Amino acid sequence: MKIKGRTAIEQKKIKVGKNYIRAYLIPFFEKNLIVLRGEKGYIMCGYLDLAVAEKFHDPAVRIVGVSTIKEALGAQVFDCTTQAQKLGVHKGQPISEVLALIV
């Protein structure tokens, strides 16, 4: 399936220390949905609802203003769930540090 000439889903494995996280990019009409998923938690773009992640007790981190996986990797925590805070995540923290906590 193509949307405006783009592949529907982009997937990448990203090495973090000795482990890997999965990165997903799903293009919508003007913006992209981005998720970086580790074994202990995940990072999501502003398309996804942090209140729902909180309701399900997910260790989730929200980033905003990103359009690519590369931008997501260079972002900072906009906000996060209580479960993510228990892992050591805090607002303003670089995503590069969060990856080590959720891998």
C-alpha atoms as a PDB file:
ATOM      1  CA  MET A   1       0.000   0.000   0.000  1.00  0.00           C
ATOM      2  CA  LYS A   2       1.288   3.430  -0.914  1.00  0.00           C
ATOM      3  CA  ILE A   3       0.306   6.734   0.636  1.00  0.00           C
ATOM      4  CA  LYS A   4       1.502   9.751  -1.332  1.00  0.00           C
ATOM      5  CA  GLY A   5       4.328   7.654  -2.777  1.00  0.00           C
ATOM      6  CA  ARG A   6       5.549   6.369   0.605  1.00  0.00           C
ATOM      7  CA  THR A   7       5.719   2.820   1.877  1.00  0.00           C
ATOM      8  CA  ALA A   8       2.978   2.179   4.417  1.00  0.00           C
ATOM      9  CA  ILE A   9       5.191   0.974   7.298  1.00  0.00           C
ATOM     10  CA  GLU A  10       8.909   1.391   7.978  1.00  0.00           C
ATOM     11  CA  GLN A  11      10.499  -0.931  10.559  1.00  0.00           C
ATOM     12  CA  LYS A  12      14.029  -0.842  11.955  1.00  0.00           C
ATOM     13  CA  LYS A  13      16.000  -2.676  14.611  1.00  0.00           C
ATOM     14  CA  ILE A  14      18.181  -0.249  16.559  1.00  0.00           C
ATOM     15  CA  LYS A  15      21.031  -1.516  18.694  1.00  0.00           C
ATOM     16  CA  VAL A  16      21.105  -0.221  22.268  1.00  0.00           C
ATOM     17  CA  GLY A  17      24.065  -1.666  24.137  1.00  0.00           C
ATOM     18  CA  LYS A  18      23.914  -5.417  23.574  1.00  0.00           C
ATOM     19  CA  ASN A  19      20.162  -5.402  22.887  1.00  0.00           C
ATOM     20  CA  TYR A  20      17.782  -3.987  20.300  1.00  0.00           C
ATOM     21  CA  ILE A  21      14.657  -1.894  20.208  1.00  0.00           C
ATOM     22  CA  ARG A  22      12.158  -1.896  17.366  1.00  0.00           C
ATOM     23  CA  ALA A  23      11.310   1.355  15.605  1.00  0.00           C
ATOM     24  CA  TYR A  24       8.126   1.747  13.574  1.00  0.00           C
ATOM     25  CA  LEU A  25       7.001   4.574  11.309  1.00  0.00           C
ATOM     26  CA  ILE A  26       3.513   4.573   9.815  1.00  0.00           C
ATOM     27  CA  PRO A  27       2.861   7.400   7.360  1.00  0.00           C
ATOM     28  CA  PHE A  28      -0.512   9.106   7.543  1.00  0.00           C
ATOM     29  CA  PHE A  29      -1.630  11.841   5.210  1.00  0.00           C
ATOM     30  CA  GLU A  30       0.532  14.741   6.383  1.00  0.00           C
ATOM     31  CA  LYS A  31       2.357  13.339   9.431  1.00  0.00           C
ATOM     32  CA  ASN A  32       3.844  10.062  10.629  1.00  0.00           C
ATOM     33  CA  LEU A  33       3.019   7.877  13.600  1.00  0.00           C
ATOM     34  CA  ILE A  34       6.247   6.761  15.290  1.00  0.00           C
ATOM     35  CA  VAL A  35       6.801   4.151  18.013  1.00  0.00           C
ATOM     36  CA  LEU A  36      10.093   2.940  19.503  1.00  0.00           C
ATOM     37  CA  ARG A  37       9.473  -0.286  21.425  1.00  0.00           C
ATOM     38  CA  GLY A  38      11.721  -1.952  23.969  1.00  0.00           C
ATOM     39  CA  GLU A  39      11.122  -4.906  26.268  1.00  0.00           C
ATOM     40  CA  LYS A  40      10.388  -2.677  29.289  1.00  0.00           C
ATOM     41  CA  GLY A  41       8.506   0.199  27.669  1.00  0.00           C
ATOM     42  CA  TYR A  42       7.918   2.299  24.593  1.00  0.00           C
ATOM     43  CA  ILE A  43       8.272   5.781  23.174  1.00  0.00           C
ATOM     44  CA  MET A  44       5.397   7.196  21.150  1.00  0.00           C
ATOM     45  CA  CYS A  45       4.751  10.307  19.139  1.00  0.00           C
ATOM     46  CA  GLY A  46       1.969  12.775  19.851  1.00  0.00           C
ATOM     47  CA  TYR A  47      -0.546  10.808  17.754  1.00  0.00           C
ATOM     48  CA  LEU A  48      -0.960   8.331  20.608  1.00  0.00           C
ATOM     49  CA  ASP A  49      -2.794   9.030  23.858  1.00  0.00           C
ATOM     50  CA  LEU A  50      -0.694   9.051  27.026  1.00  0.00           C
ATOM     51  CA  ALA A  51      -3.827   8.915  29.206  1.00  0.00           C
ATOM     52  CA  VAL A  52      -4.713   5.533  27.697  1.00  0.00           C
ATOM     53  CA  ALA A  53      -1.172   4.270  28.279  1.00  0.00           C
ATOM     54  CA  GLU A  54      -1.480   5.430  31.897  1.00  0.00           C
ATOM     55  CA  LYS A  55      -4.828   3.651  32.245  1.00  0.00           C
ATOM     56  CA  PHE A  56      -3.220   0.380  31.119  1.00  0.00           C
ATOM     57  CA  HIS A  57      -0.180   0.937  33.388  1.00  0.00           C
ATOM     58  CA  ASP A  58       2.178   0.987  30.401  1.00  0.00           C
ATOM     59  CA  PRO A  59       5.697   2.399  30.816  1.00  0.00           C
ATOM     60  CA  ALA A  60       5.206   4.906  27.981  1.00  0.00           C
ATOM     61  CA  VAL A  61       7.058   8.046  26.949  1.00  0.00           C
ATOM     62  CA  ARG A  62       5.632  10.705  24.634  1.00  0.00           C
ATOM     63  CA  ILE A  63       7.678  12.823  22.262  1.00  0.00           C
ATOM     64  CA  VAL A  64       6.378  15.589  20.012  1.00  0.00           C
ATOM     65  CA  GLY A  65       7.467  17.431  16.890  1.00  0.00           C
ATOM     66  CA  VAL A  66       9.102  14.474  15.151  1.00  0.00           C
ATOM     67  CA  SER A  67       8.482  13.154  11.637  1.00  0.00           C
ATOM     68  CA  THR A  68      11.167  10.481  11.271  1.00  0.00           C
ATOM     69  CA  ILE A  69      12.738   7.723  13.326  1.00  0.00           C
ATOM     70  CA  LYS A  70      16.012   9.668  13.270  1.00  0.00           C
ATOM     71  CA  GLU A  71      14.281  12.746  14.712  1.00  0.00           C
ATOM     72  CA  ALA A  72      12.614  10.556  17.362  1.00  0.00           C
ATOM     73  CA  LEU A  73      16.019   9.235  18.443  1.00  0.00           C
ATOM     74  CA  GLY A  74      17.234  12.822  18.896  1.00  0.00           C
ATOM     75  CA  ALA A  75      14.148  14.033  20.777  1.00  0.00           C
ATOM     76  CA  GLN A  76      13.514  14.652  24.475  1.00  0.00           C
ATOM     77  CA  VAL A  77      10.772  13.365  26.731  1.00  0.00           C
ATOM     78  CA  PHE A  78       7.706  15.613  26.496  1.00  0.00           C
ATOM     79  CA  ASP A  79       5.848  13.631  29.157  1.00  0.00           C
ATOM     80  CA  CYS A  80       5.551  10.074  30.426  1.00  0.00           C
ATOM     81  CA  THR A  81       3.427   7.687  32.462  1.00  0.00           C
ATOM     82  CA  THR A  82       3.883   6.862  36.130  1.00  0.00           C
ATOM     83  CA  GLN A  83       5.275   3.445  35.162  1.00  0.00           C
ATOM     84  CA  ALA A  84       7.917   5.099  32.955  1.00  0.00           C
ATOM     85  CA  GLN A  85       8.858   7.374  35.860  1.00  0.00           C
ATOM     86  CA  LYS A  86       9.426   4.262  37.971  1.00  0.00           C
ATOM     87  CA  LEU A  87      12.006   3.156  35.365  1.00  0.00           C
ATOM     88  CA  GLY A  88      13.838   6.487  35.832  1.00  0.00           C
ATOM     89  CA  VAL A  89      12.329   8.485  32.966  1.00  0.00           C
ATOM     90  CA  HIS A  90      11.691  12.211  33.446  1.00  0.00           C
ATOM     91  CA  LYS A  91      10.462  15.167  31.402  1.00  0.00           C
ATOM     92  CA  GLY A  92      13.169  16.745  29.250  1.00  0.00           C
ATOM     93  CA  GLN A  93      15.392  13.647  29.322  1.00  0.00           C
ATOM     94  CA  PRO A  94      17.121  12.795  26.027  1.00  0.00           C
ATOM     95  CA  ILE A  95      15.601   9.786  24.269  1.00  0.00           C
ATOM     96  CA  SER A  96      19.111   8.333  23.954  1.00  0.00           C
ATOM     97  CA  GLU A  97      19.057   7.906  27.763  1.00  0.00           C
ATOM     98  CA  VAL A  98      15.513   6.546  27.800  1.00  0.00           C
ATOM     99  CA  LEU A  99      16.422   3.809  25.311  1.00  0.00           C
ATOM    100  CA  ALA A 100      18.816   2.299  27.834  1.00  0.00           C
ATOM    101  CA  LEU A 101      15.991   2.205  30.394  1.00  0.00           C
ATOM    102  CA  ILE A 102      13.405   0.512  28.171  1.00  0.00           C
ATOM    103  CA  VAL A 103      15.561  -1.891  26.146  1.00  0.00           C
END
